[in-house]
Amino acid sequence: MSLLLRRTRPLLVASLVVMPLLLSPTAVHAAPATPAEMGLYTRIAAVNVCISRSAGIDFDKSVGIAGETIAQLILGQHKGEIQQVGTKALTLEELRRGSVNSAVLGSAEICPKEVPADVMKKVQDAIKQQGTNKPAP
């Protein structure tokens, strides 16, 4: 065994032991995610979709990965709780659906040219429909 390998092996083993502890979700924010945090998470997901799409990654795959990232973040940092939803913690599946929707809506806003035309039409239709369902001031 080379001298370099003998010297670096303990560091490698130590990093393999410590790394999962650093990467595991921690309840840093035991409180529900605030609207500001949700806005940030949506923007992060959308930017990830835009970057991966510009690199040639399939839209559905891009949105799925961005959505999963945000769902895991909300689950790990906020125990699945979101202020706007109420006091009930959401399941991972519920978080995934919402996060994917947020990633799609965010990417339609930030990088519409990277969103397939049929998806953009659905987003625009949903926004129009939401606008007609708003109560009068």
N, C-alpha and C. Protein backbone atom coordinates (compact mmCIF):
# COMPACT_ATOMS: atom_id res chain seq x y z
N MET A 1 0.86 -1.16 0.00
CA MET A 1 0.00 0.00 0.00
C MET A 1 0.91 1.23 0.00
N SER A 2 0.59 2.18 -0.83
CA SER A 2 1.42 3.36 -0.92
C SER A 2 1.31 4.22 0.34
N LEU A 3 2.33 5.01 0.56
CA LEU A 3 2.37 5.89 1.72
C LEU A 3 1.21 6.88 1.69
N LEU A 4 0.90 7.42 0.52
CA LEU A 4 -0.19 8.37 0.38
C LEU A 4 -1.53 7.73 0.75
N LEU A 5 -1.78 6.53 0.27
CA LEU A 5 -3.03 5.84 0.57
C LEU A 5 -3.14 5.55 2.06
N ARG A 6 -2.04 5.14 2.69
CA ARG A 6 -2.08 4.87 4.13
C ARG A 6 -2.38 6.12 4.94
N ARG A 7 -1.90 7.25 4.48
CA ARG A 7 -2.14 8.50 5.20
C ARG A 7 -3.55 9.06 4.95
N THR A 8 -4.07 8.88 3.76
CA THR A 8 -5.38 9.46 3.44
C THR A 8 -6.53 8.53 3.76
N ARG A 9 -6.27 7.25 3.92
CA ARG A 9 -7.33 6.28 4.20
C ARG A 9 -8.13 6.64 5.46
N PRO A 10 -7.49 6.98 6.58
CA PRO A 10 -8.29 7.36 7.76
C PRO A 10 -9.18 8.58 7.50
N LEU A 11 -8.69 9.52 6.71
CA LEU A 11 -9.51 10.69 6.39
C LEU A 11 -10.70 10.29 5.53
N LEU A 12 -10.48 9.38 4.59
CA LEU A 12 -11.56 8.91 3.73
C LEU A 12 -12.62 8.18 4.55
N VAL A 13 -12.17 7.30 5.43
CA VAL A 13 -13.10 6.55 6.27
C VAL A 13 -13.87 7.50 7.18
N ALA A 14 -13.18 8.46 7.76
CA ALA A 14 -13.84 9.44 8.64
C ALA A 14 -14.89 10.24 7.87
N SER A 15 -14.56 10.63 6.66
CA SER A 15 -15.53 11.41 5.88
C SER A 15 -16.74 10.57 5.50
N LEU A 16 -16.55 9.28 5.27
CA LEU A 16 -17.68 8.41 4.96
C LEU A 16 -18.59 8.21 6.17
N VAL A 17 -18.02 8.30 7.34
CA VAL A 17 -18.82 8.16 8.56
C VAL A 17 -19.54 9.47 8.88
N VAL A 18 -18.88 10.57 8.69
CA VAL A 18 -19.44 11.87 9.06
C VAL A 18 -20.40 12.41 8.00
N MET A 19 -20.17 12.14 6.73
CA MET A 19 -20.97 12.70 5.65
C MET A 19 -22.46 12.42 5.79
N PRO A 20 -22.89 11.19 6.08
CA PRO A 20 -24.34 10.98 6.24
C PRO A 20 -24.94 11.82 7.36
N LEU A 21 -24.18 12.06 8.40
CA LEU A 21 -24.68 12.89 9.49
C LEU A 21 -24.88 14.33 9.03
N LEU A 22 -24.00 14.80 8.17
CA LEU A 22 -24.10 16.17 7.67
C LEU A 22 -25.22 16.31 6.65
N LEU A 23 -25.46 15.25 5.88
CA LEU A 23 -26.45 15.32 4.82
C LEU A 23 -27.85 14.92 5.26
N SER A 24 -27.97 14.30 6.42
CA SER A 24 -29.29 13.86 6.87
C SER A 24 -30.14 15.07 7.22
N PRO A 25 -31.46 14.97 6.96
CA PRO A 25 -32.33 16.10 7.27
C PRO A 25 -32.37 16.35 8.77
N THR A 26 -32.28 17.62 9.11
CA THR A 26 -32.35 18.00 10.51
C THR A 26 -33.48 18.99 10.68
N ALA A 27 -34.06 19.00 11.81
CA ALA A 27 -35.18 19.90 12.07
C ALA A 27 -34.65 21.25 12.54
N VAL A 28 -33.88 21.91 11.69
CA VAL A 28 -33.35 23.22 12.01
C VAL A 28 -34.51 24.19 12.19
N HIS A 29 -35.47 24.13 11.30
CA HIS A 29 -36.67 24.97 11.36
C HIS A 29 -37.83 24.05 11.73
N ALA A 30 -38.02 23.82 12.99
CA ALA A 30 -39.12 22.95 13.40
C ALA A 30 -40.46 23.61 13.10
N ALA A 31 -40.45 24.90 12.86
CA ALA A 31 -41.68 25.63 12.56
C ALA A 31 -42.11 25.35 11.12
N PRO A 32 -43.42 25.52 10.86
CA PRO A 32 -43.90 25.36 9.48
C PRO A 32 -43.20 26.35 8.54
N ALA A 33 -43.10 25.96 7.28
CA ALA A 33 -42.51 26.84 6.27
C ALA A 33 -43.39 28.07 6.09
N THR A 34 -42.76 29.22 6.10
CA THR A 34 -43.48 30.49 5.94
C THR A 34 -43.75 30.75 4.45
N PRO A 35 -44.64 31.67 4.15
CA PRO A 35 -44.84 32.04 2.74
C PRO A 35 -43.54 32.51 2.07
N ALA A 36 -42.72 33.23 2.80
CA ALA A 36 -41.44 33.70 2.23
C ALA A 36 -40.53 32.51 1.91
N GLU A 37 -40.47 31.55 2.82
CA GLU A 37 -39.65 30.36 2.56
C GLU A 37 -40.19 29.57 1.39
N MET A 38 -41.50 29.43 1.31
CA MET A 38 -42.10 28.71 0.19
C MET A 38 -41.81 29.41 -1.13
N GLY A 39 -41.83 30.75 -1.12
CA GLY A 39 -41.48 31.50 -2.32
C GLY A 39 -40.05 31.23 -2.74
N LEU A 40 -39.15 31.19 -1.75
CA LEU A 40 -37.75 30.89 -2.04
C LEU A 40 -37.61 29.48 -2.59
N TYR A 41 -38.26 28.52 -1.97
CA TYR A 41 -38.16 27.13 -2.43
C TYR A 41 -38.70 26.97 -3.85
N THR A 42 -39.79 27.67 -4.15
CA THR A 42 -40.36 27.62 -5.50
C THR A 42 -39.38 28.19 -6.50
N ARG A 43 -38.76 29.29 -6.13
CA ARG A 43 -37.79 29.92 -7.04
C ARG A 43 -36.58 29.01 -7.27
N ILE A 44 -36.11 28.36 -6.22
CA ILE A 44 -34.99 27.43 -6.35
C ILE A 44 -35.37 26.29 -7.29
N ALA A 45 -36.56 25.73 -7.11
CA ALA A 45 -37.02 24.64 -7.97
C ALA A 45 -37.10 25.11 -9.42
N ALA A 46 -37.67 26.29 -9.63
CA ALA A 46 -37.81 26.82 -10.99
C ALA A 46 -36.45 27.05 -11.65
N VAL A 47 -35.52 27.61 -10.91
CA VAL A 47 -34.18 27.84 -11.46
C VAL A 47 -33.52 26.51 -11.82
N ASN A 48 -33.71 25.50 -10.99
CA ASN A 48 -33.16 24.18 -11.29
C ASN A 48 -33.76 23.62 -12.58
N VAL A 49 -35.06 23.80 -12.76
CA VAL A 49 -35.69 23.34 -14.00
C VAL A 49 -35.10 24.08 -15.19
N CYS A 50 -34.97 25.39 -15.07
CA CYS A 50 -34.44 26.20 -16.17
C CYS A 50 -33.01 25.78 -16.53
N ILE A 51 -32.19 25.55 -15.53
CA ILE A 51 -30.80 25.16 -15.77
C ILE A 51 -30.73 23.78 -16.42
N SER A 52 -31.48 22.84 -15.88
CA SER A 52 -31.42 21.48 -16.44
C SER A 52 -32.01 21.43 -17.84
N ARG A 53 -33.06 22.21 -18.08
CA ARG A 53 -33.64 22.25 -19.44
C ARG A 53 -32.65 22.84 -20.43
N SER A 54 -31.94 23.89 -20.04
CA SER A 54 -30.97 24.49 -20.96
C SER A 54 -29.80 23.56 -21.22
N ALA A 55 -29.63 22.56 -20.34
CA ALA A 55 -28.58 21.55 -20.54
C ALA A 55 -29.11 20.35 -21.33
N GLY A 56 -30.37 20.43 -21.78
CA GLY A 56 -30.92 19.38 -22.62
C GLY A 56 -31.65 18.26 -21.88
N ILE A 57 -31.92 18.43 -20.61
CA ILE A 57 -32.62 17.41 -19.83
C ILE A 57 -34.12 17.50 -20.13
N ASP A 58 -34.77 16.36 -20.22
CA ASP A 58 -36.21 16.26 -20.46
C ASP A 58 -36.99 17.08 -19.42
N PHE A 59 -38.06 17.73 -19.85
CA PHE A 59 -38.84 18.60 -18.96
C PHE A 59 -39.41 17.83 -17.77
N ASP A 60 -40.03 16.70 -18.02
CA ASP A 60 -40.63 15.94 -16.93
C ASP A 60 -39.59 15.49 -15.91
N LYS A 61 -38.44 15.09 -16.40
CA LYS A 61 -37.36 14.68 -15.49
C LYS A 61 -36.85 15.87 -14.70
N SER A 62 -36.69 17.01 -15.36
CA SER A 62 -36.23 18.23 -14.69
C SER A 62 -37.19 18.65 -13.59
N VAL A 63 -38.48 18.66 -13.90
CA VAL A 63 -39.49 19.06 -12.93
C VAL A 63 -39.57 18.05 -11.78
N GLY A 64 -39.46 16.78 -12.11
CA GLY A 64 -39.51 15.74 -11.08
C GLY A 64 -38.38 15.86 -10.08
N ILE A 65 -37.19 16.10 -10.57
CA ILE A 65 -36.03 16.23 -9.68
C ILE A 65 -36.14 17.49 -8.84
N ALA A 66 -36.51 18.59 -9.46
CA ALA A 66 -36.67 19.85 -8.71
C ALA A 66 -37.77 19.71 -7.66
N GLY A 67 -38.87 19.08 -8.02
CA GLY A 67 -39.97 18.89 -7.08
C GLY A 67 -39.58 17.99 -5.93
N GLU A 68 -38.87 16.92 -6.22
CA GLU A 68 -38.43 16.00 -5.16
C GLU A 68 -37.47 16.70 -4.20
N THR A 69 -36.60 17.52 -4.74
CA THR A 69 -35.66 18.27 -3.89
C THR A 69 -36.41 19.15 -2.90
N ILE A 70 -37.38 19.88 -3.39
CA ILE A 70 -38.14 20.79 -2.53
C ILE A 70 -39.00 20.00 -1.54
N ALA A 71 -39.61 18.93 -1.99
CA ALA A 71 -40.43 18.11 -1.08
C ALA A 71 -39.58 17.57 0.07
N GLN A 72 -38.40 17.07 -0.24
CA GLN A 72 -37.50 16.54 0.79
C GLN A 72 -37.05 17.66 1.74
N LEU A 73 -36.80 18.83 1.19
CA LEU A 73 -36.39 19.98 2.00
C LEU A 73 -37.49 20.36 3.00
N ILE A 74 -38.72 20.46 2.51
CA ILE A 74 -39.84 20.82 3.39
C ILE A 74 -40.06 19.74 4.45
N LEU A 75 -39.94 18.51 4.05
CA LEU A 75 -40.12 17.41 5.00
C LEU A 75 -39.02 17.45 6.07
N GLY A 76 -37.78 17.62 5.65
CA GLY A 76 -36.66 17.61 6.58
C GLY A 76 -36.54 18.84 7.45
N GLN A 77 -36.77 20.00 6.87
CA GLN A 77 -36.58 21.25 7.60
C GLN A 77 -37.82 21.71 8.35
N HIS A 78 -39.00 21.32 7.86
CA HIS A 78 -40.24 21.83 8.45
C HIS A 78 -41.19 20.71 8.86
N LYS A 79 -40.69 19.50 8.84
CA LYS A 79 -41.50 18.32 9.21
C LYS A 79 -42.78 18.23 8.39
N GLY A 80 -42.72 18.70 7.15
CA GLY A 80 -43.86 18.61 6.25
C GLY A 80 -44.93 19.65 6.48
N GLU A 81 -44.65 20.64 7.32
CA GLU A 81 -45.65 21.64 7.65
C GLU A 81 -45.42 22.94 6.87
N ILE A 82 -46.52 23.47 6.35
CA ILE A 82 -46.49 24.73 5.59
C ILE A 82 -47.56 25.63 6.17
N GLN A 83 -47.19 26.85 6.54
CA GLN A 83 -48.14 27.78 7.17
C GLN A 83 -49.41 27.97 6.35
N GLN A 84 -49.27 28.13 5.06
CA GLN A 84 -50.41 28.42 4.19
C GLN A 84 -51.40 27.26 4.12
N VAL A 85 -50.96 26.06 4.48
CA VAL A 85 -51.81 24.88 4.39
C VAL A 85 -52.57 24.64 5.69
N GLY A 86 -52.00 25.04 6.80
CA GLY A 86 -52.63 24.83 8.09
C GLY A 86 -51.71 24.07 9.03
N THR A 87 -52.28 23.46 10.03
CA THR A 87 -51.48 22.82 11.07
C THR A 87 -51.13 21.36 10.76
N LYS A 88 -51.75 20.78 9.75
CA LYS A 88 -51.50 19.38 9.42
C LYS A 88 -50.20 19.24 8.61
N ALA A 89 -49.36 18.31 9.06
CA ALA A 89 -48.16 18.01 8.28
C ALA A 89 -48.57 17.26 7.02
N LEU A 90 -47.97 17.62 5.91
CA LEU A 90 -48.27 16.96 4.65
C LEU A 90 -47.42 15.70 4.50
N THR A 91 -47.97 14.72 3.80
CA THR A 91 -47.21 13.51 3.52
C THR A 91 -46.18 13.81 2.43
N LEU A 92 -45.23 12.93 2.28
CA LEU A 92 -44.22 13.11 1.24
C LEU A 92 -44.89 13.16 -0.14
N GLU A 93 -45.89 12.33 -0.37
CA GLU A 93 -46.58 12.33 -1.66
C GLU A 93 -47.30 13.66 -1.90
N GLU A 94 -47.93 14.21 -0.88
CA GLU A 94 -48.59 15.51 -1.01
C GLU A 94 -47.56 16.61 -1.28
N LEU A 95 -46.44 16.53 -0.58
CA LEU A 95 -45.37 17.51 -0.80
C LEU A 95 -44.82 17.41 -2.22
N ARG A 96 -44.68 16.18 -2.70
CA ARG A 96 -44.17 15.99 -4.07
C ARG A 96 -45.10 16.63 -5.09
N ARG A 97 -46.39 16.37 -4.97
CA ARG A 97 -47.35 16.94 -5.93
C ARG A 97 -47.29 18.47 -5.92
N GLY A 98 -47.33 19.05 -4.74
CA GLY A 98 -47.29 20.50 -4.64
C GLY A 98 -45.98 21.08 -5.14
N SER A 99 -44.88 20.40 -4.82
CA SER A 99 -43.56 20.90 -5.22
C SER A 99 -43.38 20.83 -6.73
N VAL A 100 -43.87 19.77 -7.35
CA VAL A 100 -43.79 19.65 -8.81
C VAL A 100 -44.62 20.76 -9.45
N ASN A 101 -45.82 20.99 -8.92
CA ASN A 101 -46.66 22.07 -9.45
C ASN A 101 -45.95 23.42 -9.31
N SER A 102 -45.32 23.65 -8.17
CA SER A 102 -44.59 24.90 -7.96
C SER A 102 -43.43 25.03 -8.93
N ALA A 103 -42.73 23.93 -9.18
CA ALA A 103 -41.60 23.96 -10.12
C ALA A 103 -42.08 24.28 -11.54
N VAL A 104 -43.22 23.71 -11.92
CA VAL A 104 -43.77 23.99 -13.26
C VAL A 104 -44.18 25.45 -13.36
N LEU A 105 -44.94 25.94 -12.38
CA LEU A 105 -45.39 27.34 -12.42
C LEU A 105 -44.22 28.31 -12.39
N GLY A 106 -43.24 28.02 -11.55
CA GLY A 106 -42.07 28.89 -11.45
C GLY A 106 -41.26 28.92 -12.72
N SER A 107 -41.07 27.75 -13.32
CA SER A 107 -40.28 27.72 -14.57
C SER A 107 -41.04 28.39 -15.71
N ALA A 108 -42.37 28.30 -15.70
CA ALA A 108 -43.16 28.99 -16.73
C ALA A 108 -42.98 30.50 -16.62
N GLU A 109 -42.75 30.97 -15.41
CA GLU A 109 -42.54 32.40 -15.19
C GLU A 109 -41.11 32.82 -15.50
N ILE A 110 -40.14 32.00 -15.06
CA ILE A 110 -38.73 32.39 -15.17
C ILE A 110 -38.13 32.10 -16.54
N CYS A 111 -38.45 30.93 -17.09
CA CYS A 111 -37.86 30.55 -18.37
C CYS A 111 -38.91 29.91 -19.28
N PRO A 112 -39.89 30.68 -19.72
CA PRO A 112 -40.99 30.11 -20.50
C PRO A 112 -40.54 29.41 -21.78
N LYS A 113 -39.40 29.80 -22.34
CA LYS A 113 -38.92 29.15 -23.56
C LYS A 113 -38.44 27.72 -23.31
N GLU A 114 -38.16 27.39 -22.04
CA GLU A 114 -37.71 26.05 -21.68
C GLU A 114 -38.87 25.13 -21.30
N VAL A 115 -40.09 25.67 -21.30
CA VAL A 115 -41.27 24.90 -20.93
C VAL A 115 -41.99 24.49 -22.22
N PRO A 116 -42.33 23.20 -22.36
CA PRO A 116 -43.04 22.76 -23.57
C PRO A 116 -44.33 23.56 -23.79
N ALA A 117 -44.67 23.78 -25.05
CA ALA A 117 -45.82 24.61 -25.41
C ALA A 117 -47.12 24.10 -24.79
N ASP A 118 -47.33 22.79 -24.77
CA ASP A 118 -48.57 22.27 -24.20
C ASP A 118 -48.65 22.52 -22.69
N VAL A 119 -47.52 22.48 -22.02
CA VAL A 119 -47.48 22.76 -20.59
C VAL A 119 -47.73 24.25 -20.35
N MET A 120 -47.12 25.10 -21.16
CA MET A 120 -47.35 26.55 -21.03
C MET A 120 -48.82 26.89 -21.21
N LYS A 121 -49.47 26.23 -22.18
CA LYS A 121 -50.90 26.49 -22.40
C LYS A 121 -51.70 26.09 -21.17
N LYS A 122 -51.40 24.94 -20.57
CA LYS A 122 -52.11 24.51 -19.36
C LYS A 122 -51.88 25.49 -18.21
N VAL A 123 -50.66 25.98 -18.09
CA VAL A 123 -50.34 26.95 -17.03
C VAL A 123 -51.13 28.23 -17.25
N GLN A 124 -51.13 28.73 -18.48
CA GLN A 124 -51.85 29.96 -18.79
C GLN A 124 -53.35 29.79 -18.57
N ASP A 125 -53.90 28.64 -18.95
CA ASP A 125 -55.32 28.37 -18.73
C ASP A 125 -55.63 28.34 -17.24
N ALA A 126 -54.76 27.71 -16.45
CA ALA A 126 -54.97 27.62 -15.00
C ALA A 126 -54.92 29.00 -14.36
N ILE A 127 -54.00 29.84 -14.82
CA ILE A 127 -53.89 31.20 -14.29
C ILE A 127 -55.13 32.01 -14.63
N LYS A 128 -55.61 31.87 -15.87
CA LYS A 128 -56.84 32.57 -16.27
C LYS A 128 -58.02 32.09 -15.44
N GLN A 129 -58.13 30.78 -15.25
CA GLN A 129 -59.22 30.20 -14.47
C GLN A 129 -59.16 30.70 -13.02
N GLN A 130 -57.97 30.76 -12.47
CA GLN A 130 -57.80 31.24 -11.10
C GLN A 130 -58.22 32.71 -11.01
N GLY A 131 -57.90 33.48 -12.03
CA GLY A 131 -58.26 34.89 -12.05
C GLY A 131 -59.76 35.11 -12.08
N THR A 132 -60.50 34.24 -12.75
CA THR A 132 -61.95 34.39 -12.83
C THR A 132 -62.65 33.92 -11.58
N ASN A 133 -61.94 33.15 -10.74
CA ASN A 133 -62.54 32.64 -9.50
C ASN A 133 -62.24 33.51 -8.29
N LYS A 134 -61.55 34.62 -8.49
CA LYS A 134 -61.22 35.49 -7.36
C LYS A 134 -62.45 36.26 -6.91
N PRO A 135 -62.63 36.40 -5.61
CA PRO A 135 -63.76 37.20 -5.13
C PRO A 135 -63.57 38.68 -5.45
N ALA A 136 -64.67 39.36 -5.61
CA ALA A 136 -64.60 40.81 -5.89
C ALA A 136 -64.08 41.54 -4.67
N PRO A 137 -63.28 42.62 -4.87
CA PRO A 137 -62.73 43.36 -3.73
C PRO A 137 -63.79 44.09 -2.94
